[in-house]
């Protein structure tokens, strides 16, 4: 049988009724070398090997090992996994290899439990037996001596539900749902109403941590060209003195570096190169909002620019997203991210050459080597590294990045458990705050997210729409939190709208709503809110000079303004500055009158917030 996607699609959707010879011959995975498709794994193999779409996947995680399954259940588990691979579950979504591997491992735990009970057929796994499994799983302790978390238990129980569903397409189906009257979530202790929120949001990187991390990264980017020159000089030296003894080569490298002004040695240069790669990752992830696998797909030549009718330049970054099947996708990025990508293109070049050499070597030995196809996926990648145990250059995995990011932070005294997936939500939060008007850091880098996002998306319909949705979710959370602070009974408020809110919240208004949460949501959804640094503005236009800072004091009397305690310091500073201005002799009667008016406004705001204005002596 030849290998091709069309041949695989023409195969049976499940293995029911097939002879052992026919089922074992089914193709489960293929790879392409040049123009020819090769069979990687067949149904009857003890291990099924796949090529995961994301290049950041660890290849050892892309193997399904049926020796994990007790011998009596291996045939049925092959049939279960084949059906899952071909058709997915009831929704018809085909799984990725990592999802299949997780299901196999979780099902194996259940099947080992059945084996202990001397049960060798799925059809004997009755609801009573499954209930015993639930009780034991909830009572067992993990490797740390603690009870399993509810989320872990739910995953184990969902696997049993999946096994029941998929086994209906095998010759040994489970006859009944494992727990007909309930669900995996309830059995794990997760009530249905809380299921959607059972997994906490990815933590935001705190502002002070984010700024310290970004600044440390940017400092390395500022040194990048010089350090890359040093690296290339050492590489050239290795070519010139090929065959030199190791100790002599090391001494020659050190001498060449000292000639070029670097006195910290070869090891320090190598360490800097590793940190430079991490620094570029931090900058690009921080300013693009890309997921780890999307950055892993970045290749040389990923950036290009466009210009609108008014001469505004927009930079775009091409990559691939597999999260929700978007495929080829683009992201708007600022100049700083473009610079980091440019540095990585130079950084990665020697590693890309190693991949090219590997491909050439494999072709000479065996033109049909399936590893050629795998190596070609990494040929132009930017975030490459050497796999020491294999001696190969490949795109760094997500696990590797989490280690490198944490080490990068620790080495710089940054106390935060950094992971790759935190950058996306942090980006969305910063972009939302930029639009909200409350961005305190990196304003220049996030300025393009202050535009109307519908207009921004219209600039390029290849942009990742999900990122816009996440930014709006963050913006929504910001507004909800602001409204919640307004409605705290002990929160003093100033400004025209703030004073009305303070009166309204004490009038029993909550009785108009189902509960307090509904009240907060209703106000948040119906009120235009943005920050201007010295107040919250609820006007639905941007025509007020108070928002632009030309007449900040105007917010004190404005019917659209809400001023809280966090703004108190601003008004105290304004009060002191106005006092100094009032003492000037050359401002004239009109100027003095305006200064007195603005001082009175500041005094009124401060008193409303529970502060006494500090007089300037």
Protein backbone atom coordinates (compact mmCIF):
# COMPACT_ATOMS: atom_id res chain seq x y z
CA UNK A 1 0.00 0.00 0.00
CA UNK A 2 1.37 3.43 -0.94
CA UNK A 3 1.45 6.23 1.60
CA UNK A 4 -0.39 9.50 1.03
CA UNK A 5 -3.04 11.58 2.82
CA UNK A 6 -5.63 10.40 0.30
CA UNK A 7 -4.86 6.75 1.04
CA UNK A 8 -5.22 7.36 4.77
CA UNK A 9 -8.55 9.13 4.25
CA UNK A 10 -9.83 6.16 2.23
CA UNK A 11 -9.12 3.73 5.09
CA UNK A 12 -11.92 2.48 7.39
CA UNK A 13 -13.05 4.87 10.12
CA UNK A 14 -12.66 2.17 12.75
CA UNK A 15 -11.18 -1.33 13.03
CA UNK A 16 -14.34 -3.27 13.88
CA UNK A 17 -14.63 -6.62 12.11
CA UNK A 18 -11.20 -6.43 10.47
CA UNK A 19 -8.87 -9.41 10.54
CA UNK A 20 -5.62 -9.03 12.47
CA UNK A 21 -3.70 -8.91 9.19
CA UNK A 22 -5.91 -6.19 7.72
CA UNK A 23 -5.99 -4.05 10.86
CA UNK A 24 -2.23 -4.30 11.45
CA UNK A 25 -1.63 -3.06 7.90
CA UNK A 26 -3.60 0.17 8.41
CA UNK A 27 -1.45 3.30 8.13
CA UNK A 28 -1.65 5.64 11.12
CA UNK A 29 1.08 8.20 10.36
CA UNK A 30 3.12 9.32 7.37
CA UNK A 31 5.86 11.81 6.57
CA UNK A 32 6.99 13.52 3.39
CA UNK A 33 10.57 13.54 2.16
CA UNK A 34 10.89 15.63 -0.95
CA UNK A 35 7.87 14.69 -3.06
CA UNK A 36 7.49 11.17 -1.71
CA UNK A 37 5.32 10.11 1.24
CA UNK A 38 6.74 7.54 3.64
CA UNK A 39 4.92 5.35 6.17
CA UNK A 40 6.07 6.15 9.72
CA UNK A 41 3.74 3.92 11.75
CA UNK A 42 1.15 1.23 11.14
CA UNK A 43 -1.75 0.09 13.32
CA UNK A 44 0.01 -3.09 14.47
CA UNK A 45 3.15 -1.34 15.74
CA UNK A 46 3.84 -1.33 19.48
CA UNK A 47 4.46 2.44 19.24
CA UNK A 48 2.78 4.93 16.96
CA UNK A 49 5.08 7.82 16.07
CA UNK A 50 3.74 11.14 14.77
CA UNK A 51 5.06 14.46 13.57
CA UNK A 52 3.39 17.13 15.70
CA UNK A 53 2.40 20.29 13.82
CA UNK A 54 3.98 22.75 16.28
CA UNK A 55 7.75 22.79 15.91
CA UNK A 56 8.13 23.42 19.65
CA UNK A 57 6.87 19.92 20.48
CA UNK A 58 9.28 17.46 22.09
CA UNK A 59 9.50 14.53 19.67
CA UNK A 60 9.53 11.94 22.46
CA UNK A 61 6.10 13.27 23.48
CA UNK A 62 4.76 12.49 19.99
CA UNK A 63 4.81 8.72 20.47
CA UNK A 64 1.89 6.55 21.60
CA UNK A 65 3.26 3.59 23.56
CA UNK A 66 0.84 0.71 23.85
CA UNK A 67 3.16 -1.15 26.21
CA UNK A 68 1.79 1.22 28.89
CA UNK A 69 -1.52 -0.65 28.58
CA UNK A 70 -2.04 -4.03 30.28
CA UNK A 71 -1.67 -6.84 27.73
CA UNK A 72 -5.37 -7.94 27.78
CA UNK A 73 -6.46 -4.42 26.69
CA UNK A 74 -3.86 -3.54 24.05
CA UNK A 75 -5.95 -4.66 21.09
CA UNK A 76 -8.99 -2.70 22.16
CA UNK A 77 -6.91 0.39 23.00
CA UNK A 78 -5.40 0.32 19.51
CA UNK A 79 -8.95 0.25 18.16
CA UNK A 80 -9.99 3.08 20.51
CA UNK A 81 -7.01 5.28 19.58
CA UNK A 82 -7.44 4.55 15.86
CA UNK A 83 -11.07 5.69 16.01
CA UNK A 84 -10.04 8.78 18.00
CA UNK A 85 -7.34 9.57 15.44
CA UNK A 86 -9.67 9.16 12.46
CA UNK A 87 -12.87 10.78 13.71
CA UNK A 88 -12.29 12.39 17.10
CA UNK A 89 -15.09 12.20 19.63
CA UNK A 90 -18.74 13.11 19.20
CA UNK A 91 -17.97 16.69 18.10
CA UNK A 92 -15.91 15.36 15.21
CA UNK A 93 -12.76 17.35 16.02
CA UNK A 94 -9.65 15.33 15.35
CA UNK A 95 -7.13 15.47 18.18
CA UNK A 96 -3.47 16.43 18.11
CA UNK A 97 -0.85 13.89 19.05
CA UNK A 98 -0.30 15.35 22.54
CA UNK A 99 -4.03 15.08 23.25
CA UNK A 100 -4.05 11.46 22.09
CA UNK A 101 -1.02 10.66 24.24
CA UNK A 102 -2.66 12.15 27.32
CA UNK A 103 -5.85 10.15 26.74
CA UNK A 104 -3.87 6.93 26.29
CA UNK A 105 -1.93 7.48 29.52
CA UNK A 106 -5.08 8.29 31.51
CA UNK A 107 -6.98 5.31 30.09
CA UNK A 108 -4.01 3.09 30.94
CA UNK A 109 -4.43 4.01 34.61
CA UNK A 110 -8.06 2.89 34.50
CA UNK A 111 -7.18 -0.30 32.64
CA UNK A 112 -4.48 -1.19 35.18
CA UNK A 113 -7.19 -0.83 37.83
CA UNK A 114 -9.39 -3.28 35.90
CA UNK A 115 -6.50 -5.73 35.61
CA UNK A 116 -6.06 -5.71 39.39
CA UNK A 117 -9.73 -6.73 39.67
CA UNK A 118 -9.08 -9.62 37.24
CA UNK A 119 -11.22 -7.91 34.62
CA UNK A 120 -9.88 -8.49 31.09
CA UNK A 121 -12.72 -7.12 28.92
CA UNK A 122 -14.17 -3.61 28.73
CA UNK A 123 -17.67 -5.02 28.57
CA UNK A 124 -17.27 -6.05 32.22
CA UNK A 125 -16.49 -2.45 33.31
CA UNK A 126 -19.91 -1.78 34.84
CA UNK A 127 -20.93 1.50 36.55
CA UNK A 128 -20.33 -0.21 39.91
CA UNK A 129 -16.75 -1.02 38.91
CA UNK A 130 -16.26 2.52 37.64
CA UNK A 131 -17.56 3.92 40.94
CA UNK A 132 -14.90 1.87 42.75
CA UNK A 133 -12.27 3.49 40.50
CA UNK A 134 -13.56 6.94 41.41
CA UNK A 135 -13.43 6.21 45.15
CA UNK A 136 -9.89 4.84 44.96
CA UNK A 137 -8.64 7.70 42.77
CA UNK A 138 -10.03 10.26 45.21
CA UNK A 139 -8.49 8.47 48.20
CA UNK A 140 -5.03 7.87 46.74
CA UNK A 141 -2.18 10.26 47.51
CA UNK A 142 0.15 11.67 44.89
CA UNK A 143 3.97 11.55 44.95
CA UNK A 144 4.02 14.46 47.40
CA UNK A 145 1.73 12.68 49.83
CA UNK A 146 -1.25 14.89 48.99
CA UNK A 147 -4.72 14.19 47.64
CA UNK A 148 -5.07 14.74 43.90
CA UNK A 149 -6.35 18.17 42.83
CA UNK A 150 -9.92 18.35 41.56
CA UNK A 151 -8.71 19.25 38.07
CA UNK A 152 -6.47 16.18 37.98
CA UNK A 153 -9.30 13.92 39.07
CA UNK A 154 -11.64 15.39 36.51
CA UNK A 155 -9.08 14.61 33.77
CA UNK A 156 -8.87 10.98 34.89
CA UNK A 157 -12.64 10.62 34.99
CA UNK A 158 -13.15 12.34 31.63
CA UNK A 159 -10.76 9.80 30.12
CA UNK A 160 -13.05 7.00 31.29
CA UNK A 161 -16.01 8.81 29.69
CA UNK A 162 -14.02 9.08 26.44
CA UNK A 163 -13.09 5.39 26.65
CA UNK A 164 -16.78 4.49 26.96
CA UNK A 165 -17.70 6.63 23.94
CA UNK A 166 -14.87 5.48 21.67
CA UNK A 167 -15.11 1.82 22.66
CA UNK A 168 -18.51 1.70 20.97
CA UNK A 169 -16.54 1.58 17.70
CA UNK A 170 -14.54 -1.49 18.78
CA UNK A 171 -15.27 -5.19 19.18
CA UNK A 172 -15.29 -4.83 23.00
CA UNK A 173 -17.51 -1.85 23.93
CA UNK A 174 -18.25 -0.70 27.47
CA UNK A 175 -21.97 -1.47 27.78
CA UNK A 176 -22.99 1.50 29.95
CA UNK A 177 -21.90 5.02 30.69
CA UNK A 178 -19.45 4.78 33.64
CA UNK A 179 -21.60 7.03 35.88
CA UNK A 180 -25.05 7.48 34.27
CA UNK A 181 -26.45 9.91 36.85
CA UNK A 182 -23.55 12.35 37.15
CA UNK A 183 -20.44 13.67 35.39
CA UNK A 184 -16.65 13.73 35.69
CA UNK A 185 -16.74 17.33 36.90
CA UNK A 186 -19.18 16.60 39.73
CA UNK A 187 -17.35 13.44 40.77
CA UNK A 188 -14.13 15.45 40.97
CA UNK A 189 -15.80 18.01 43.22
CA UNK A 190 -16.34 20.66 40.58
CA UNK A 191 -19.93 21.84 40.56
CA UNK A 192 -21.44 22.50 37.15
CA UNK A 193 -21.89 26.22 37.86
CA UNK A 194 -18.22 26.56 38.67
CA UNK A 195 -16.85 24.37 35.92
CA UNK A 196 -16.20 27.24 33.53
CA UNK A 197 -14.16 29.12 36.10
CA UNK A 198 -12.43 26.13 37.68
CA UNK A 199 -9.17 26.93 35.94
CA UNK A 200 -7.78 30.25 37.12
CA UNK A 201 -6.64 32.76 34.61
CA UNK A 202 -3.02 32.80 33.58
CA UNK A 203 -1.32 35.12 36.07
CA UNK A 204 -0.39 38.58 34.89
CA UNK A 205 3.27 39.46 35.16
CA UNK A 206 3.23 42.31 37.73
CA UNK A 207 4.15 45.75 36.36
CA UNK A 208 7.38 46.07 38.30
CA UNK A 209 8.47 42.55 37.28
CA UNK A 210 7.52 43.11 33.66
CA UNK A 211 9.41 46.41 33.46
CA UNK A 212 12.52 44.93 35.11
CA UNK A 213 12.39 41.94 32.76
CA UNK A 214 11.91 44.06 29.66
CA UNK A 215 14.64 46.51 30.61
CA UNK A 216 17.11 43.69 31.33
CA UNK A 217 16.29 42.17 27.95
CA UNK A 218 16.62 45.47 26.12
CA UNK A 219 20.06 46.07 27.63
CA UNK A 220 21.24 42.84 26.00
CA UNK A 221 19.73 43.83 22.66
CA UNK A 222 21.72 47.08 22.84
CA UNK A 223 24.92 45.00 23.01
CA UNK A 224 23.83 42.44 20.43
CA UNK A 225 25.72 43.61 17.34
CA UNK A 226 29.07 43.82 19.12
CA UNK A 227 28.62 40.45 20.80
CA UNK A 228 27.52 38.78 17.55
CA UNK A 229 30.63 40.21 15.90
CA UNK A 230 32.68 38.50 18.62
CA UNK A 231 30.87 35.21 18.08
CA UNK A 232 31.42 35.35 14.33
CA UNK A 233 35.09 36.19 14.84
CA UNK A 234 35.49 33.06 16.98
CA UNK A 235 33.69 30.95 14.35
CA UNK A 236 36.05 32.26 11.68
CA UNK A 237 39.02 31.47 13.91
CA UNK A 238 37.80 27.87 14.28
CA UNK A 239 37.78 27.52 10.50
CA UNK A 240 41.23 29.07 10.12
CA UNK A 241 42.78 26.85 12.79
CA UNK A 242 40.86 23.64 12.15
CA UNK A 243 42.67 20.64 13.59
CA UNK A 244 44.33 22.59 16.39
CA UNK A 245 44.47 20.81 19.76
CA UNK A 246 41.58 21.65 22.08
CA UNK A 247 43.70 23.49 24.65
CA UNK A 248 45.51 25.46 21.97
CA UNK A 249 42.21 26.36 20.28
CA UNK A 250 40.78 27.58 23.56
CA UNK A 251 43.83 29.78 24.16
CA UNK A 252 43.63 31.14 20.60
CA UNK A 253 39.96 32.02 21.07
CA UNK A 254 40.64 33.81 24.33
CA UNK A 255 43.49 35.76 22.73
CA UNK A 256 41.32 36.78 19.74
CA UNK A 257 38.53 37.96 22.06
CA UNK A 258 40.97 40.04 24.09
CA UNK A 259 42.24 41.64 20.89
CA UNK A 260 38.64 42.64 20.15
CA UNK A 261 38.13 44.12 23.62
CA UNK A 262 36.36 41.21 25.34
CA UNK A 263 38.22 40.10 28.46
CA UNK A 264 35.62 37.89 30.15
CA UNK A 265 36.48 34.72 28.29
CA UNK A 266 34.89 32.23 25.90
CA UNK A 267 32.42 30.75 28.41
CA UNK A 268 31.02 34.20 29.25
CA UNK A 269 30.52 34.91 25.54
CA UNK A 270 28.68 31.62 25.12
CA UNK A 271 26.48 32.44 28.12
CA UNK A 272 25.72 35.88 26.70
CA UNK A 273 24.56 34.29 23.42
CA UNK A 274 22.12 32.08 25.31
CA UNK A 275 20.81 35.06 27.27
CA UNK A 276 20.53 37.14 24.09
CA UNK A 277 18.22 34.54 22.58
CA UNK A 278 16.06 34.66 25.72
CA UNK A 279 16.09 38.48 25.71
CA UNK A 280 14.86 38.54 22.10
CA UNK A 281 12.12 36.07 23.03
CA UNK A 282 11.02 38.30 25.92
CA UNK A 283 10.86 41.39 23.70
CA UNK A 284 8.99 39.70 20.83
CA UNK A 285 6.56 37.85 23.12
CA UNK A 286 5.94 41.03 25.15
CA UNK A 287 5.18 43.18 22.11
CA UNK A 288 3.32 40.75 19.85
CA UNK A 289 1.08 38.70 22.15
CA UNK A 290 2.13 35.50 20.36
CA UNK A 291 1.86 32.10 21.97
CA UNK A 292 4.99 29.99 22.39
CA UNK A 293 4.29 27.74 19.41
CA UNK A 294 3.63 30.78 17.21
CA UNK A 295 7.04 32.18 18.08
CA UNK A 296 8.51 28.73 17.45
CA UNK A 297 7.17 28.92 13.89
CA UNK A 298 8.96 32.26 13.26
CA UNK A 299 11.36 32.02 10.34
CA UNK A 300 13.94 34.23 8.66
CA UNK A 301 12.14 36.91 6.66
CA UNK A 302 9.10 36.97 8.95
CA UNK A 303 8.76 40.79 8.98
CA UNK A 304 7.47 43.23 6.39
CA UNK A 305 6.07 46.76 6.44
CA UNK A 306 3.11 48.59 4.91
CA UNK A 307 2.29 52.28 4.65
CA UNK A 308 -1.16 53.86 4.69
CA UNK A 309 -2.37 56.90 2.75
CA UNK A 310 -1.16 59.26 5.47
CA UNK A 311 2.37 57.87 5.50
CA UNK A 312 2.00 55.86 8.72
CA UNK A 313 4.24 52.78 8.76
CA UNK A 314 2.93 49.47 10.10
CA UNK A 315 5.16 46.49 10.75
CA UNK A 316 3.79 42.96 10.42
CA UNK A 317 5.13 39.60 11.54
CA UNK A 318 4.24 36.37 9.74
CA UNK A 319 3.98 33.03 11.50
CA UNK A 320 1.66 30.05 11.90
CA UNK A 321 -0.94 29.34 14.60
CA UNK A 322 -2.35 25.90 15.30
CA UNK A 323 -4.31 26.80 18.46
CA UNK A 324 -7.68 27.07 16.76
CA UNK A 325 -6.67 26.07 13.25
CA UNK A 326 -5.91 29.57 11.95
CA UNK A 327 -2.85 28.43 9.97
CA UNK A 328 -0.83 31.24 8.39
CA UNK A 329 -1.37 34.27 10.62
CA UNK A 330 0.08 37.77 11.04
CA UNK A 331 0.54 40.14 13.96
CA UNK A 332 1.06 43.89 14.08
CA UNK A 333 4.31 44.67 15.91
CA UNK A 334 6.23 47.82 16.86
CA UNK A 335 9.78 48.73 15.80
CA UNK A 336 11.28 47.24 18.97
CA UNK A 337 9.98 43.76 18.07
CA UNK A 338 11.27 44.19 14.52
CA UNK A 339 14.71 44.90 15.93
CA UNK A 340 14.61 41.78 18.12
CA UNK A 341 13.59 39.62 15.14
CA UNK A 342 16.42 41.10 13.06
CA UNK A 343 18.91 40.20 15.80
CA UNK A 344 17.52 36.68 15.99
CA UNK A 345 17.88 36.25 12.24
CA UNK A 346 21.61 36.90 12.59
CA UNK A 347 21.82 34.89 15.82
CA UNK A 348 20.17 31.84 14.25
CA UNK A 349 22.16 31.74 11.00
CA UNK A 350 24.94 29.35 12.19
CA UNK A 351 22.33 27.01 13.68
CA UNK A 352 20.34 27.06 10.45
CA UNK A 353 23.53 26.06 8.63
CA UNK A 354 23.89 23.09 10.98
CA UNK A 355 20.37 21.96 10.11
CA UNK A 356 21.17 22.35 6.40
CA UNK A 357 24.32 20.26 6.85
CA UNK A 358 22.33 17.58 8.68
CA UNK A 359 19.81 17.39 5.85
CA UNK A 360 22.58 17.08 3.27
CA UNK A 361 24.32 14.36 5.28
CA UNK A 362 21.10 12.37 5.71
CA UNK A 363 20.28 12.62 2.01
CA UNK A 364 23.69 11.24 1.13
CA UNK A 365 23.17 8.24 3.42
CA UNK A 366 19.47 7.62 2.72
CA UNK A 367 17.40 9.94 0.49
CA UNK A 368 14.23 8.51 2.05
CA UNK A 369 15.23 9.06 5.69
CA UNK A 370 12.02 10.31 7.43
CA UNK A 371 14.14 12.57 9.66
CA UNK A 372 14.86 14.72 6.61
CA UNK A 373 11.25 15.92 6.63
CA UNK A 374 11.49 16.73 10.34
CA UNK A 375 14.77 18.62 9.93
CA UNK A 376 13.34 20.66 7.05
CA UNK A 377 10.63 22.02 9.36
CA UNK A 378 13.36 23.68 11.46
CA UNK A 379 15.63 24.80 8.63
CA UNK A 380 14.69 28.51 8.67
CA UNK A 381 13.47 28.75 12.28
CA UNK A 382 14.80 31.52 14.53
CA UNK A 383 14.56 30.13 18.04
CA UNK A 384 16.89 27.18 17.61
CA UNK A 385 19.06 25.28 20.05
CA UNK A 386 21.22 22.17 20.21
CA UNK A 387 19.73 18.99 21.66
CA UNK A 388 22.78 17.72 23.55
CA UNK A 389 21.63 14.09 23.83
CA UNK A 390 21.00 13.87 20.06
CA UNK A 391 23.54 16.29 18.70
CA UNK A 392 20.82 17.91 16.58
CA UNK A 393 19.70 21.50 16.17
CA UNK A 394 15.95 21.92 16.57
CA UNK A 395 13.43 24.56 17.58
CA UNK A 396 13.34 24.96 21.36
CA UNK A 397 10.43 23.28 23.12
CA UNK A 398 8.01 25.01 25.47
CA UNK A 399 9.56 23.13 28.39
CA UNK A 400 13.00 24.45 27.44
CA UNK A 401 11.67 27.99 27.27
CA UNK A 402 10.12 27.79 30.72
CA UNK A 403 13.49 26.71 32.13
CA UNK A 404 15.41 29.39 30.22
CA UNK A 405 12.99 32.17 31.16
CA UNK A 406 13.09 31.30 34.85
CA UNK A 407 16.89 31.11 34.81
CA UNK A 408 17.07 34.45 32.98
CA UNK A 409 14.89 36.05 35.66
CA UNK A 410 16.72 34.45 38.61
CA UNK A 411 20.12 35.47 37.23
CA UNK A 412 18.93 39.08 37.25
CA UNK A 413 17.39 39.01 40.70
CA UNK A 414 13.81 39.08 39.36
CA UNK A 415 11.63 37.18 41.82
CA UNK A 416 8.86 35.79 39.66
CA UNK A 417 8.06 32.25 38.46
CA UNK A 418 8.10 33.16 34.79
CA UNK A 419 6.56 30.91 32.12
CA UNK A 420 6.15 31.38 28.40
CA UNK A 421 2.34 31.49 28.42
CA UNK A 422 2.23 34.50 30.79
CA UNK A 423 3.36 36.89 28.06
CA UNK A 424 0.18 36.61 26.00
CA UNK A 425 -2.21 37.64 28.76
CA UNK A 426 0.19 40.32 29.98
CA UNK A 427 0.34 41.71 26.45
CA UNK A 428 -3.45 41.68 26.20
CA UNK A 429 -3.68 43.49 29.54
CA UNK A 430 -1.19 46.16 28.49
CA UNK A 431 -2.88 46.63 25.14
CA UNK A 432 -6.25 46.97 26.92
CA UNK A 433 -4.79 49.49 29.37
CA UNK A 434 -3.36 51.42 26.44
CA UNK A 435 -6.83 51.62 24.97
CA UNK A 436 -8.27 52.35 28.42
CA UNK A 437 -5.83 55.25 28.75
CA UNK A 438 -4.14 53.87 31.85
CA UNK A 439 -0.87 52.54 30.45
CA UNK A 440 2.03 53.57 32.64
CA UNK A 441 4.93 51.76 30.98
CA UNK A 442 6.13 51.09 27.44
CA UNK A 443 3.61 53.56 26.06
CA UNK A 444 5.53 53.98 22.84
CA UNK A 445 5.66 50.24 22.20
CA UNK A 446 1.91 49.77 22.74
CA UNK A 447 0.67 52.95 21.08
CA UNK A 448 -0.70 51.14 18.02
CA UNK A 449 -3.14 49.30 20.26
CA UNK A 450 -4.78 52.60 21.28
CA UNK A 451 -6.41 52.79 17.86
CA UNK A 452 -9.89 51.54 17.18
CA UNK A 453 -9.31 47.79 17.04
CA UNK A 454 -11.88 47.22 14.31
CA UNK A 455 -9.92 49.65 12.14
CA UNK A 456 -6.69 47.92 13.16
CA UNK A 457 -8.02 44.56 12.09
CA UNK A 458 -9.20 46.04 8.80
CA UNK A 459 -5.58 46.93 8.02
CA UNK A 460 -4.76 43.23 7.67
CA UNK A 461 -7.38 40.49 7.64
CA UNK A 462 -4.67 37.88 8.26
CA UNK A 463 -4.22 39.11 11.83
CA UNK A 464 -5.04 36.78 14.68
CA UNK A 465 -8.63 37.61 15.64
CA UNK A 466 -8.43 35.66 18.92
CA UNK A 467 -5.85 38.13 20.23
CA UNK A 468 -8.28 41.01 19.69
CA UNK A 469 -10.91 39.07 21.63
CA UNK A 470 -8.50 38.53 24.52
CA UNK A 471 -7.67 42.24 24.60
CA UNK A 472 -11.35 43.08 24.78
CA UNK A 473 -11.75 40.54 27.60
CA UNK A 474 -8.95 42.27 29.52
CA UNK A 475 -10.52 45.65 28.84
CA UNK A 476 -13.82 44.30 30.12
CA UNK A 477 -12.14 43.03 33.31
CA UNK A 478 -10.48 46.42 33.87
CA UNK A 479 -13.82 48.20 33.59
CA UNK A 480 -15.54 45.75 35.94
CA UNK A 481 -12.79 46.19 38.55
CA UNK A 482 -13.05 49.98 38.30
CA UNK A 483 -16.83 49.96 38.73
CA UNK A 484 -16.52 47.53 41.63
CA UNK A 485 -14.14 49.96 43.38
CA UNK A 486 -16.60 52.81 42.79
CA UNK A 487 -19.40 50.91 44.49
CA UNK A 488 -17.46 50.07 47.64
CA UNK A 489 -19.39 51.84 50.44
CA UNK A 490 -16.20 53.19 52.05
CA UNK A 491 -14.69 54.48 48.79
CA UNK A 492 -14.83 58.32 48.67
CA UNK A 493 -15.50 59.72 45.21
CA UNK A 494 -15.21 63.21 43.74
CA UNK A 495 -16.16 64.67 40.39
CA UNK A 496 -19.72 65.22 39.18
CA UNK A 497 -20.42 61.63 38.21
CA UNK A 498 -18.49 60.34 41.23
CA UNK A 499 -20.60 62.38 43.65
CA UNK A 500 -23.80 61.09 42.06
CA UNK A 501 -22.52 57.51 42.28
CA UNK A 502 -21.70 57.93 45.98
CA UNK A 503 -25.26 59.09 46.66
CA UNK A 504 -26.81 56.42 44.44
CA UNK A 505 -24.95 53.47 45.94
CA UNK A 506 -26.29 54.36 49.39
CA UNK A 507 -29.88 54.59 48.22
CA UNK A 508 -30.58 50.84 48.15
CA UNK A 509 -30.07 50.73 44.39
CA UNK A 510 -28.87 47.12 44.54
CA UNK A 511 -32.48 46.01 44.94
CA UNK A 512 -32.98 46.94 41.27
CA UNK A 513 -30.63 44.10 40.28
CA UNK A 514 -30.44 40.36 40.86
CA UNK A 515 -27.34 40.80 43.02
CA UNK A 516 -24.31 43.03 43.47
CA UNK A 517 -22.40 41.29 40.69
CA UNK A 518 -25.23 41.95 38.24
CA UNK A 519 -25.29 45.60 39.26
CA UNK A 520 -21.55 45.99 38.65
CA UNK A 521 -21.81 44.26 35.29
CA UNK A 522 -24.75 46.40 34.18
CA UNK A 523 -22.95 49.65 35.00
CA UNK A 524 -19.71 48.46 33.39
CA UNK A 525 -21.47 47.43 30.18
CA UNK A 526 -23.51 50.61 29.88
CA UNK A 527 -20.86 53.18 30.83
CA UNK A 528 -18.02 54.47 28.68
CA UNK A 529 -14.98 54.46 30.96
CA UNK A 530 -11.41 55.50 30.28
CA UNK A 531 -8.58 56.78 32.42
CA UNK A 532 -6.80 60.06 31.80
CA UNK A 533 -4.35 59.92 34.72
CA UNK A 534 -6.19 62.35 37.01
CA UNK A 535 -9.76 60.96 36.75
CA UNK A 536 -11.97 58.41 35.08
CA UNK A 537 -13.97 59.90 32.24
CA UNK A 538 -17.39 58.48 31.40
CA UNK A 539 -18.12 60.78 28.47
CA UNK A 540 -18.68 58.96 25.19
CA UNK A 541 -16.47 61.40 23.24
CA UNK A 542 -12.93 62.75 23.62
CA UNK A 543 -13.66 66.45 23.11
CA UNK A 544 -13.06 67.57 26.72
CA UNK A 545 -9.77 69.49 27.25
CA UNK A 546 -9.52 67.90 30.71
CA UNK A 547 -8.71 64.53 29.09
CA UNK A 548 -5.85 65.96 27.14
CA UNK A 549 -4.35 67.61 30.20
CA UNK A 550 -4.94 71.18 29.01
CA UNK A 551 -7.37 71.84 31.85
CA UNK A 552 -7.03 68.99 34.33
CA UNK A 553 -8.88 70.83 37.06
CA UNK A 554 -12.03 70.84 34.95
CA UNK A 555 -12.67 67.20 35.92
CA UNK A 556 -13.45 68.34 39.49
CA UNK A 557 -16.75 69.88 38.33
CA UNK A 558 -17.43 67.72 35.28
CA UNK A 559 -20.62 65.67 35.27
CA UNK A 560 -18.78 62.85 33.47
CA UNK A 561 -15.80 62.56 35.86
CA UNK A 562 -15.15 60.09 38.66
CA UNK A 563 -12.16 60.85 40.91
CA UNK A 564 -10.93 58.31 43.47
CA UNK A 565 -8.31 58.18 46.20
CA UNK A 566 -5.64 56.94 43.80
CA UNK A 567 -5.85 60.36 42.12
CA UNK A 568 -5.34 62.26 45.40
CA UNK A 569 -1.58 62.70 44.94
CA UNK A 570 -2.11 64.23 41.50
CA UNK A 571 -4.44 66.88 42.91
CA UNK A 572 -2.09 67.60 45.82
CA UNK A 573 0.76 68.16 43.36
CA UNK A 574 -1.46 70.36 41.20
CA UNK A 575 -2.47 72.33 44.32
CA UNK A 576 1.19 72.94 45.28
CA UNK A 577 2.15 73.94 41.73
CA UNK A 578 -0.76 76.38 41.56
CA UNK A 579 0.29 77.89 44.90
CA UNK A 580 3.76 78.58 43.49
CA UNK A 581 2.23 80.06 40.35
CA UNK A 582 -0.06 82.28 42.41
CA UNK A 583 2.97 83.86 44.08
CA UNK A 584 4.32 85.06 40.73
CA UNK A 585 3.96 88.80 40.13
CA UNK A 586 3.61 88.72 36.35
CA UNK A 587 0.51 86.58 35.78
CA UNK A 588 -1.93 89.49 35.91
CA UNK A 589 -5.44 89.65 37.42
CA UNK A 590 -6.92 87.22 34.90
CA UNK A 591 -4.20 84.66 35.49
CA UNK A 592 -4.49 85.03 39.26
CA UNK A 593 -8.26 84.52 39.05
CA UNK A 594 -7.84 81.30 37.06
CA UNK A 595 -5.18 80.02 39.47
CA UNK A 596 -7.51 80.66 42.42
CA UNK A 597 -10.33 78.87 40.62
CA UNK A 598 -8.18 75.81 39.92
CA UNK A 599 -6.83 75.81 43.47
CA UNK A 600 -10.38 75.80 44.80
CA UNK A 601 -11.18 72.86 42.50
CA UNK A 602 -8.18 70.90 43.81
CA UNK A 603 -9.08 71.77 47.41
CA UNK A 604 -12.65 70.57 46.85
CA UNK A 605 -11.48 67.27 45.34
CA UNK A 606 -9.01 66.61 48.15
CA UNK A 607 -11.61 67.29 50.84
CA UNK A 608 -14.11 65.00 49.07
CA UNK A 609 -11.50 62.27 49.11
CA UNK A 610 -10.86 62.73 52.81
CA UNK A 611 -7.55 64.62 52.50
CA UNK A 612 -6.55 68.05 53.78
CA UNK A 613 -4.59 70.06 51.19
CA UNK A 614 -0.97 70.47 52.25
CA UNK A 615 -0.21 74.17 52.09
CA UNK A 616 3.05 75.34 50.53
CA UNK A 617 5.05 77.48 52.96
